[in-house]
Amino acid sequence: MDPDTSEKRIFHYFQQELPNRYFAVVRMEWRDDDHKIVQVDEVKLIDEGVDTIEGFAEVARNAMLGGAEILMICPYDPEHIGLNEQ
């Protein structure tokens, strides 16, 4: 899939406690030209330390390059996992 660089993508981050050993719940939405949702994927990531952050970064990067908007719920401060406000 070729990267979609035509528009900025939206990344929503909510800091909230999660049950069990979840690192995050990540929902990715792809929309068509009329802004209607055409696909939704949701993943629950188990906290396994530093590798989890790297895995999340790869999933998010690929989704955004593919044109997805992302919503993430995570118990950690955004800076802790490498997200900087821009």
Protein backbone atom coordinates (compact mmCIF):
# COMPACT_ATOMS: atom_id res chain seq x y z
CA MET A 1 0.00 0.00 0.00
CA ASP A 2 1.44 3.40 -0.98
CA PRO A 3 1.59 6.04 1.76
CA ASP A 4 -1.23 8.59 1.71
CA THR A 5 0.35 12.00 2.23
CA SER A 6 -2.54 14.08 0.89
CA GLU A 7 -3.95 15.08 4.30
CA LYS A 8 -2.95 15.24 7.93
CA ARG A 9 -4.13 12.30 9.99
CA ILE A 10 -5.80 12.56 13.37
CA PHE A 11 -4.38 10.86 16.45
CA HIS A 12 -6.56 10.99 19.58
CA TYR A 13 -4.85 10.04 22.85
CA PHE A 14 -6.68 9.41 26.11
CA GLN A 15 -4.79 8.67 29.30
CA GLN A 16 -6.84 6.25 31.36
CA GLU A 17 -6.24 3.17 33.50
CA LEU A 18 -6.86 -0.14 31.74
CA PRO A 19 -7.63 -3.59 33.18
CA ASN A 20 -5.17 -6.47 33.41
CA ARG A 21 -1.78 -5.88 31.83
CA TYR A 22 -3.02 -3.83 28.88
CA PHE A 23 -0.58 -1.30 27.49
CA ALA A 24 -3.22 0.24 25.24
CA VAL A 25 -6.38 -0.17 23.26
CA VAL A 26 -5.86 1.22 19.77
CA ARG A 27 -8.68 1.82 17.28
CA MET A 28 -7.85 2.64 13.66
CA GLU A 29 -10.43 4.02 11.21
CA TRP A 30 -10.11 4.38 7.48
CA ARG A 31 -12.46 6.71 5.62
CA ASP A 32 -13.42 7.12 1.98
CA ASP A 33 -13.39 10.37 -0.01
CA ASP A 34 -16.81 11.25 1.45
CA HIS A 35 -15.35 10.83 4.99
CA LYS A 36 -17.50 7.76 5.66
CA ILE A 37 -15.85 5.02 7.70
CA VAL A 38 -15.04 2.05 5.47
CA GLN A 39 -12.89 -0.03 7.83
CA VAL A 40 -12.26 -0.22 11.57
CA ASP A 41 -9.57 -2.27 13.32
CA GLU A 42 -9.11 -2.42 17.06
CA VAL A 43 -6.22 -4.01 18.90
CA LYS A 44 -5.48 -4.53 22.58
CA LEU A 45 -1.78 -4.47 23.34
CA ILE A 46 -0.42 -6.34 26.37
CA ASP A 47 2.27 -4.47 28.31
CA GLU A 48 5.53 -6.37 27.84
CA GLY A 49 7.93 -3.47 28.42
CA VAL A 50 10.00 -1.57 25.86
CA ASP A 51 9.15 -4.00 23.04
CA THR A 52 5.50 -3.05 23.43
CA ILE A 53 6.24 0.62 22.75
CA GLU A 54 8.24 -0.29 19.64
CA GLY A 55 5.45 -2.59 18.44
CA PHE A 56 2.84 0.09 18.99
CA ALA A 57 4.94 2.65 17.09
CA GLU A 58 5.17 0.32 14.10
CA VAL A 59 1.41 -0.38 14.08
CA ALA A 60 0.56 3.33 14.39
CA ARG A 61 3.08 4.41 11.74
CA ASN A 62 1.80 1.86 9.21
CA ALA A 63 -1.83 2.72 9.91
CA MET A 64 -1.25 6.45 9.51
CA LEU A 65 0.77 5.96 6.33
CA GLY A 66 -2.18 3.93 5.06
CA GLY A 67 -4.53 6.84 5.76
CA ALA A 68 -6.01 5.81 9.12
CA GLU A 69 -7.15 8.00 11.97
CA ILE A 70 -6.14 6.59 15.35
CA LEU A 71 -7.72 6.64 18.79
CA MET A 72 -5.60 5.31 21.63
CA ILE A 73 -6.36 4.69 25.31
CA CYS A 74 -3.29 4.12 27.46
CA PRO A 75 -2.50 4.49 31.18
CA TYR A 76 0.89 6.16 30.58
CA ASP A 77 1.80 9.79 30.04
CA PRO A 78 2.15 10.39 26.28
CA GLU A 79 5.78 11.48 26.74
CA HIS A 80 6.56 8.15 28.46
CA ILE A 81 5.74 6.26 25.27
CA GLY A 82 7.38 8.69 22.86
CA LEU A 83 4.42 10.84 21.86
CA ASN A 84 5.16 14.54 21.74
CA GLU A 85 2.47 17.15 21.21
CA GLN A 86 2.81 18.84 17.81
